[in-house]
Protein backbone atom coordinates (compact mmCIF):
# COMPACT_ATOMS: atom_id res chain seq x y z
CA MET A 1 -19.10 11.54 -12.19
CA ASP A 2 -17.91 13.44 -9.13
CA PHE A 3 -15.63 11.42 -6.89
CA GLY A 4 -14.85 14.31 -4.57
CA PHE A 5 -15.54 13.79 -0.87
CA SER A 6 -17.63 16.26 1.06
CA ALA A 7 -16.37 17.80 4.29
CA GLU A 8 -18.80 15.51 6.12
CA ASP A 9 -17.38 12.42 4.41
CA GLN A 10 -13.80 13.48 5.10
CA ALA A 11 -14.66 13.94 8.78
CA PHE A 12 -16.30 10.53 8.73
CA ARG A 13 -13.11 8.96 7.39
CA GLY A 14 -11.24 10.38 10.37
CA GLN A 15 -13.80 8.88 12.76
CA VAL A 16 -13.44 5.50 11.07
CA ARG A 17 -9.67 5.54 11.44
CA GLU A 18 -9.97 6.39 15.12
CA PHE A 19 -12.52 3.64 15.69
CA ILE A 20 -10.46 0.94 13.97
CA ALA A 21 -7.27 2.01 15.74
CA ARG A 22 -9.10 1.78 19.07
CA GLU A 23 -11.15 -1.39 18.54
CA TRP A 24 -9.18 -3.63 16.16
CA ASP A 25 -6.52 -5.75 17.82
CA PRO A 26 -5.28 -8.17 15.14
CA PRO A 27 -4.39 -11.72 16.17
CA PRO A 28 -0.66 -12.32 16.70
CA GLU A 29 1.52 -13.96 14.08
CA GLY A 30 1.06 -17.72 14.23
CA ALA A 31 -2.39 -17.55 15.81
CA SER A 32 -4.54 -20.62 15.21
CA PRO A 33 -7.54 -20.36 12.85
CA ASP A 34 -9.88 -20.64 15.83
CA GLU A 35 -8.10 -17.81 17.62
CA ALA A 36 -8.24 -15.65 14.51
CA GLN A 37 -11.95 -16.39 14.10
CA ALA A 38 -12.64 -15.48 17.73
CA THR A 39 -10.81 -12.17 17.24
CA THR A 40 -12.85 -11.44 14.13
CA ARG A 41 -16.18 -12.20 15.81
CA ALA A 42 -15.26 -10.01 18.79
CA PHE A 43 -14.44 -7.09 16.49
CA GLU A 44 -17.69 -7.52 14.57
CA LYS A 45 -19.67 -7.45 17.81
CA SER A 46 -17.83 -4.29 18.81
CA MET A 47 -18.76 -2.78 15.45
CA ALA A 48 -22.39 -3.74 16.04
CA GLN A 49 -22.44 -2.21 19.51
CA HIS A 50 -21.12 1.07 18.11
CA GLY A 51 -23.53 1.05 15.15
CA TRP A 52 -20.81 0.52 12.55
CA LEU A 53 -21.52 -3.02 11.36
CA THR A 54 -24.68 -2.20 9.41
CA MET A 55 -24.21 1.52 9.04
CA ALA A 56 -25.66 1.60 5.50
CA TRP A 57 -28.80 -0.35 6.40
CA PRO A 58 -32.09 1.49 7.00
CA GLU A 59 -32.75 2.32 10.63
CA GLU A 60 -35.76 0.00 10.71
CA TYR A 61 -33.40 -2.94 10.19
CA GLY A 62 -30.77 -1.86 12.70
CA GLY A 63 -28.74 0.46 10.48
CA ARG A 64 -27.85 4.15 10.43
CA ASN A 65 -28.94 5.08 6.92
CA ALA A 66 -25.32 5.85 6.06
CA SER A 67 -24.70 6.78 2.45
CA HIS A 68 -23.10 4.45 -0.07
CA VAL A 69 -20.05 6.71 0.02
CA GLN A 70 -19.66 6.39 3.78
CA GLN A 71 -20.05 2.62 3.58
CA MET A 72 -17.32 2.55 0.94
CA ILE A 73 -15.08 4.76 3.09
CA TYR A 74 -15.45 2.37 6.00
CA ARG A 75 -14.62 -0.68 3.89
CA GLU A 76 -11.60 1.04 2.39
CA GLU A 77 -10.21 2.07 5.76
CA ALA A 78 -10.88 -1.35 7.27
CA SER A 79 -9.01 -3.03 4.43
CA LEU A 80 -6.10 -0.60 4.75
CA ALA A 81 -5.88 -1.54 8.44
CA GLY A 82 -6.29 -5.27 7.81
CA ALA A 83 -9.50 -5.30 9.85
CA PRO A 84 -12.24 -7.82 8.99
CA MET A 85 -15.55 -7.02 7.31
CA ASP A 86 -18.69 -9.18 7.35
CA VAL A 87 -19.10 -9.86 3.63
CA GLN A 88 -21.71 -12.60 3.75
CA GLY A 89 -24.28 -11.48 6.29
CA VAL A 90 -24.02 -7.71 6.22
CA GLY A 91 -22.92 -7.18 2.63
CA MET A 92 -24.83 -9.92 0.82
CA VAL A 93 -27.63 -11.73 2.68
CA GLY A 94 -28.94 -8.62 4.41
CA PRO A 95 -29.27 -6.40 1.31
CA CYS A 96 -30.66 -9.36 -0.65
CA LEU A 97 -33.39 -9.90 1.96
CA MET A 98 -34.25 -6.21 1.94
CA LEU A 99 -34.87 -6.39 -1.80
CA HIS A 100 -36.42 -9.85 -2.17
CA GLY A 101 -37.33 -11.18 1.27
CA SER A 102 -40.74 -11.32 2.90
CA GLU A 103 -41.55 -9.12 5.89
CA ASP A 104 -41.41 -12.17 8.17
CA GLN A 105 -37.96 -13.06 6.84
CA LYS A 106 -36.70 -9.54 7.39
CA ARG A 107 -37.96 -9.53 11.00
CA GLU A 108 -36.41 -12.94 11.73
CA PHE A 109 -33.07 -12.82 9.94
CA LEU A 110 -31.95 -9.20 9.75
CA PRO A 111 -31.65 -8.37 13.48
CA PRO A 112 -29.19 -11.24 14.25
CA ILE A 113 -27.03 -10.10 11.33
CA ALA A 114 -27.10 -6.50 12.59
CA THR A 115 -25.95 -7.57 16.06
CA ALA A 116 -23.26 -9.97 14.77
CA GLU A 117 -24.92 -12.93 16.46
CA VAL A 118 -24.82 -15.20 13.42
CA ALA A 119 -22.24 -16.00 10.75
CA TRP A 120 -23.24 -16.92 7.18
CA ALA A 121 -21.73 -19.03 4.41
CA GLN A 122 -22.56 -19.03 0.69
CA GLY A 123 -23.65 -22.27 -1.01
CA TYR A 124 -23.23 -21.52 -4.70
CA SER A 125 -20.42 -23.40 -6.49
CA GLU A 126 -20.53 -27.15 -7.07
CA PRO A 127 -17.87 -29.58 -8.35
CA GLY A 128 -19.33 -29.35 -11.86
CA SER A 129 -20.79 -25.85 -11.63
CA GLY A 130 -18.32 -23.08 -11.01
CA SER A 131 -18.09 -20.44 -13.72
CA ASP A 132 -21.25 -21.90 -15.26
CA LEU A 133 -23.12 -21.57 -11.98
CA ALA A 134 -26.55 -21.93 -13.58
CA SER A 135 -25.77 -25.57 -14.39
CA LEU A 136 -25.95 -26.44 -10.66
CA GLN A 137 -27.53 -29.79 -9.77
CA THR A 138 -28.24 -29.63 -6.03
CA ARG A 139 -31.95 -30.54 -5.82
CA ALA A 140 -34.72 -29.23 -3.59
CA VAL A 141 -38.00 -31.19 -3.71
CA ARG A 142 -41.21 -30.00 -2.10
CA ASP A 143 -42.54 -32.20 0.71
CA GLY A 144 -45.43 -30.62 2.55
CA ASP A 145 -44.33 -27.45 4.29
CA ASP A 146 -40.65 -28.24 3.65
CA PHE A 147 -38.22 -28.66 0.80
CA VAL A 148 -35.81 -31.59 0.97
CA ILE A 149 -32.32 -30.73 -0.30
CA ASN A 150 -29.77 -33.20 -1.66
CA GLY A 151 -26.45 -32.33 -3.28
CA GLN A 152 -22.98 -30.93 -2.76
CA LYS A 153 -21.45 -27.46 -2.63
CA ILE A 154 -17.74 -26.70 -2.84
CA TRP A 155 -15.35 -23.81 -2.10
CA THR A 156 -17.72 -22.76 0.67
CA SER A 157 -15.83 -20.05 2.54
CA GLY A 158 -16.20 -20.14 6.30
CA ALA A 159 -18.75 -22.98 6.37
CA HIS A 160 -16.95 -24.54 9.34
CA HIS A 161 -17.73 -21.42 11.39
CA ALA A 162 -21.11 -20.55 9.89
CA ASP A 163 -24.45 -20.70 11.68
CA TRP A 164 -26.48 -20.40 8.47
CA ILE A 165 -25.94 -20.91 4.76
CA HIS A 166 -27.69 -19.28 1.79
CA VAL A 167 -27.88 -21.87 -0.94
CA LEU A 168 -28.98 -22.16 -4.56
CA THR A 169 -30.86 -25.30 -5.56
CA ARG A 170 -32.67 -26.67 -8.60
CA THR A 171 -36.40 -27.02 -8.03
CA ASP A 172 -37.49 -27.59 -11.65
CA PRO A 173 -35.06 -29.91 -13.47
CA ASP A 174 -37.01 -29.60 -16.73
CA ALA A 175 -36.76 -25.81 -16.99
CA PRO A 176 -33.95 -23.99 -18.86
CA LYS A 177 -30.89 -23.82 -16.64
CA HIS A 178 -31.29 -20.17 -15.64
CA ARG A 179 -34.85 -20.93 -14.59
CA GLY A 180 -36.02 -23.59 -12.22
CA ILE A 181 -33.54 -22.46 -9.54
CA SER A 182 -34.71 -21.50 -6.04
CA TYR A 183 -32.86 -19.75 -3.24
CA PHE A 184 -32.95 -20.97 0.38
CA MET A 185 -31.59 -20.14 3.80
CA ALA A 186 -30.64 -23.23 5.79
CA ASP A 187 -29.60 -23.66 9.41
CA MET A 188 -26.15 -25.30 9.45
CA ARG A 189 -27.26 -27.40 12.43
CA SER A 190 -29.93 -29.11 10.30
CA PRO A 191 -29.67 -32.90 10.22
CA GLY A 192 -28.03 -34.09 7.01
CA ILE A 193 -25.56 -31.20 6.55
CA GLU A 194 -21.93 -32.29 6.62
CA VAL A 195 -18.94 -29.93 6.33
CA ARG A 196 -15.58 -31.27 5.14
CA PRO A 197 -12.46 -29.06 5.16
CA LEU A 198 -10.51 -28.10 2.04
CA ILE A 199 -6.94 -26.96 2.74
CA ASP A 200 -5.64 -24.59 0.06
CA MET A 201 -2.11 -24.46 -1.33
CA ALA A 202 -1.21 -21.71 1.16
CA GLY A 203 -2.00 -24.09 4.01
CA ASN A 204 -5.18 -22.24 5.00
CA HIS A 205 -8.50 -23.75 5.97
CA GLY A 206 -10.94 -21.23 4.60
CA PHE A 207 -12.77 -23.38 2.05
CA ASN A 208 -14.99 -26.38 2.62
CA GLU A 209 -17.16 -28.94 0.92
CA VAL A 210 -20.76 -28.98 2.16
CA TYR A 211 -22.92 -32.06 1.65
CA PHE A 212 -26.72 -32.04 1.86
CA GLU A 213 -28.40 -35.40 2.46
CA ASP A 214 -32.19 -35.22 2.87
CA VAL A 215 -31.90 -31.83 4.56
CA ARG A 216 -35.33 -30.43 5.37
CA VAL A 217 -35.70 -26.66 4.98
CA PRO A 218 -39.01 -24.90 5.69
CA ALA A 219 -40.61 -23.48 2.56
CA ASP A 220 -40.84 -20.07 4.22
CA GLN A 221 -37.03 -19.90 4.19
CA MET A 222 -37.00 -19.52 0.41
CA ILE A 223 -35.88 -16.05 -0.72
CA GLY A 224 -38.00 -14.74 -3.57
CA PRO A 225 -40.41 -16.76 -5.73
CA GLU A 226 -39.96 -20.46 -6.43
CA ASN A 227 -37.93 -21.15 -9.59
CA ARG A 228 -36.76 -17.51 -9.73
CA GLY A 229 -33.74 -17.86 -7.47
CA TRP A 230 -31.26 -17.13 -10.26
CA TYR A 231 -32.51 -13.57 -10.55
CA VAL A 232 -32.27 -13.10 -6.81
CA ALA A 233 -28.71 -14.45 -6.92
CA THR A 234 -27.59 -12.09 -9.68
CA THR A 235 -28.69 -9.15 -7.53
CA LEU A 236 -26.58 -10.50 -4.70
CA LEU A 237 -23.54 -10.96 -6.94
CA ASP A 238 -23.63 -7.26 -7.76
CA PHE A 239 -23.26 -6.56 -4.04
CA GLU A 240 -20.34 -9.00 -3.83
CA ARG A 241 -18.47 -7.53 -6.79
CA SER A 242 -18.69 -3.88 -5.82
CA GLY A 243 -16.14 -3.76 -2.97
CA VAL A 244 -13.23 -1.38 -2.61
CA GLY A 245 -11.34 -3.66 -0.24
CA THR A 246 -9.22 -5.36 -2.92
CA PRO A 247 -7.33 -2.29 -4.17
CA ALA A 248 -7.04 -0.95 -0.64
CA GLY A 249 -5.42 -4.19 0.52
CA ALA A 250 -3.10 -4.23 -2.48
CA ARG A 251 -2.04 -0.64 -1.79
CA ARG A 252 -1.38 -1.42 1.88
CA ASP A 253 0.83 -4.39 1.06
CA LEU A 254 2.60 -2.71 -1.86
CA ASP A 255 3.59 0.20 0.39
CA ARG A 256 4.73 -2.17 3.13
CA PHE A 257 6.82 -4.17 0.68
CA GLY A 258 8.28 -1.03 -0.90
CA ALA A 259 9.43 0.31 2.48
CA TRP A 260 11.11 -3.02 3.29
CA ALA A 261 12.70 -3.39 -0.15
CA ALA A 262 14.19 0.12 -0.04
CA GLU A 263 16.18 -0.96 3.03
CA ALA A 264 16.75 -4.67 2.39
CA ILE A 265 17.32 -4.83 -1.38
CA PRO A 266 17.96 -1.22 -2.46
CA ASP A 267 20.06 -2.15 -5.48
CA ARG A 268 17.25 -4.26 -6.95
CA MET A 269 14.69 -1.56 -6.28
CA ARG A 270 16.87 1.02 -8.06
CA GLU A 271 17.10 -1.00 -11.25
CA PRO A 272 15.07 0.91 -13.88
CA ARG A 273 12.83 -2.01 -14.82
CA ASN A 274 11.94 -2.70 -11.18
CA ARG A 275 11.50 0.95 -10.29
CA ASN A 276 9.25 1.47 -13.33
CA ARG A 277 7.25 -1.67 -12.59
CA TYR A 278 6.75 -0.57 -8.99
CA ALA A 279 5.43 2.76 -10.23
CA ASP A 280 3.16 1.02 -12.77
CA LEU A 281 1.67 -1.12 -10.01
CA HIS A 282 0.91 1.94 -7.89
CA ILE A 283 -0.85 3.48 -10.88
CA ASN A 284 -2.87 0.31 -11.53
CA VAL A 285 -3.86 0.07 -7.87
CA GLU A 286 -5.14 3.66 -8.11
CA ILE A 287 -7.10 2.78 -11.25
CA ALA A 288 -8.66 -0.16 -9.41
CA ARG A 289 -9.60 2.16 -6.56
CA TRP A 290 -11.30 4.61 -8.91
CA LEU A 291 -13.21 1.81 -10.63
CA ALA A 292 -14.52 0.79 -7.22
CA TYR A 293 -15.39 4.43 -6.49
CA ARG A 294 -17.37 4.49 -9.72
CA VAL A 295 -19.54 1.61 -8.53
CA THR A 296 -20.23 3.46 -5.28
CA TRP A 297 -21.01 6.68 -7.14
CA MET A 298 -23.55 4.85 -9.30
CA GLN A 299 -25.22 3.35 -6.25
CA SER A 300 -25.38 6.73 -4.52
CA ALA A 301 -27.00 8.15 -7.67
CA GLY A 302 -29.73 5.50 -7.59
CA LEU A 303 -28.23 3.50 -10.46
CA VAL A 304 -27.65 -0.27 -10.47
CA PRO A 305 -24.06 -1.16 -11.41
CA ASN A 306 -23.75 -4.32 -13.44
CA HIS A 307 -20.94 -4.46 -15.97
CA GLU A 308 -19.32 -1.63 -13.99
CA ALA A 309 -19.16 -3.92 -10.95
CA SER A 310 -17.63 -6.63 -13.14
CA MET A 311 -14.98 -4.18 -14.35
CA SER A 312 -14.09 -3.32 -10.77
CA LYS A 313 -13.95 -6.95 -9.66
CA MET A 314 -11.93 -8.20 -12.63
CA PHE A 315 -9.37 -5.39 -12.72
CA GLY A 316 -8.93 -5.31 -8.94
CA SER A 317 -8.34 -9.04 -8.57
CA GLU A 318 -5.87 -9.12 -11.48
CA VAL A 319 -3.94 -6.14 -10.12
CA MET A 320 -3.70 -7.86 -6.74
CA GLN A 321 -2.09 -10.87 -8.40
CA GLU A 322 0.36 -8.60 -10.24
CA VAL A 323 1.37 -6.87 -6.99
CA TYR A 324 2.28 -10.06 -5.17
CA ARG A 325 3.88 -11.66 -8.22
CA PHE A 326 6.19 -8.66 -8.58
CA ALA A 327 7.04 -8.62 -4.89
CA VAL A 328 7.72 -12.33 -4.50
CA ASN A 329 9.93 -12.39 -7.60
CA LEU A 330 11.91 -9.33 -6.53
CA MET A 331 12.61 -10.95 -3.16
CA GLY A 332 14.43 -13.82 -4.89
CA LEU A 333 14.82 -17.09 -3.02
CA SER A 334 13.69 -15.52 0.25
CA GLY A 335 10.33 -14.99 -1.41
CA GLN A 336 9.68 -18.72 -1.01
CA ARG A 337 9.89 -18.74 2.78
CA ILE A 338 6.54 -19.06 4.54
CA ARG A 339 5.88 -19.71 8.23
CA ASP A 340 9.58 -19.37 8.88
CA GLY A 341 10.71 -17.28 11.82
CA ALA A 342 13.54 -15.82 9.72
CA ALA A 343 11.42 -15.08 6.66
CA PRO A 344 11.47 -11.43 5.52
CA LEU A 345 8.36 -9.54 6.63
CA GLY A 346 7.23 -12.66 8.46
CA GLY A 347 6.68 -14.46 5.16
CA PHE A 348 3.53 -12.51 4.40
CA ILE A 349 4.50 -11.74 0.77
CA PRO A 350 4.68 -15.36 -0.45
CA GLN A 351 1.61 -16.10 1.68
CA ARG A 352 -0.34 -13.34 -0.07
CA TYR A 353 1.05 -14.48 -3.42
CA LEU A 354 -0.49 -17.92 -2.94
CA GLU A 355 -3.73 -16.45 -1.59
CA SER A 356 -4.05 -14.14 -4.60
CA VAL A 357 -4.25 -17.03 -7.07
CA PRO A 358 -7.98 -17.74 -6.53
CA MET A 359 -8.86 -14.03 -6.61
CA THR A 360 -9.55 -14.25 -10.36
CA ILE A 361 -11.76 -17.30 -9.78
CA ALA A 362 -13.77 -16.53 -6.65
CA ALA A 363 -16.94 -14.44 -7.00
CA GLY A 364 -16.98 -15.05 -10.74
CA THR A 365 -13.92 -15.75 -12.89
CA SER A 366 -12.21 -13.07 -14.94
CA GLU A 367 -13.50 -14.84 -18.05
CA ILE A 368 -17.09 -14.52 -16.83
CA GLN A 369 -16.52 -10.87 -15.92
CA ARG A 370 -15.15 -10.16 -19.41
CA ASN A 371 -18.22 -11.78 -20.96
CA ILE A 372 -20.47 -9.57 -18.83
CA ILE A 373 -18.50 -6.47 -19.79
CA ALA A 374 -18.63 -7.42 -23.47
CA SER A 375 -22.33 -8.30 -23.64
CA ARG A 376 -23.89 -5.88 -21.14
CA GLY A 377 -21.39 -3.06 -21.34
CA LEU A 378 -20.31 -3.04 -24.99
CA GLY A 379 -23.38 -4.68 -26.50
CA LEU A 380 -21.36 -7.41 -28.21
CA PRO A 381 -23.06 -10.71 -29.12
CA ARG A 382 -22.78 -13.52 -26.61
CA PRO A 383 -20.05 -16.07 -27.40
């Protein structure tokens, strides 16, 4: 494995930094969720206009044929700057359609993603089907040229802002659980779709419950063959788990906290156990970065990362939790102050601490990732 960057890639990183510095204007502290969403959509449209949003897509679909390495560089720099990235449409639905979608689907759905005209949500988890996703019970029944969907999805990120949702349903209830699942794209304006907010413990409205009651979806909006949606979904999960943004964000915040702590609580930072732990966290963040680089290297070599992507996802999300746990504890009582004008660093450390809790659950729990690593990477028998 060669993780060295070519002169072209290094020059590209400089261009990315210049672009983000010029185009990304983060919302002010205390901005409402709607204001933050508007800022994000405006930045994504600016990315699209400059050809950056779908840079790794083929030119025929609105991309620039950028390499996997350049795509990774962009995501790393965006995360370091706190700039948003379209994970659902650009990073998941688009690549999934390129691999499994029909030509008509590609012509209809890819261009609006490439121009940032639509936002997507992911309808996977259900109240009784989280880690064991294949046990999902949302039903889709054929009725003429449509399928009629009934059921409930939960922890649906961004559903309250989404224009479309990609959703897993059960189309053959008598088949083994990993079979009999079909994959659909549904317009969020369809009659029978209801979105209810879920407010997390950090006070954020990012998650939602989505209810489907007799929702009609045209059969030609199914991705891949009927009853084979699980295998389409597992391809998509590999895209979701291969990001470099997690360690980049952890490094950004660890450095920011370290600079503050050196001035505000220097005696605590100089204690050997804290100084050593701070160094250990920097090392672990670097390990997480290199694991993410490994996934990108495999993709650029024409390989399909599987357990390697699970290693990157699991280790990165657990390191992120360790970073914020260390920081919030070292701050002492002030580490409990959130949305308080006098809170150190604007209260972002305890906010991130709370937000890091679901990181080892979302996109596949650490337990699931360890099972994948054990069975597919080490060849151990399934538990």
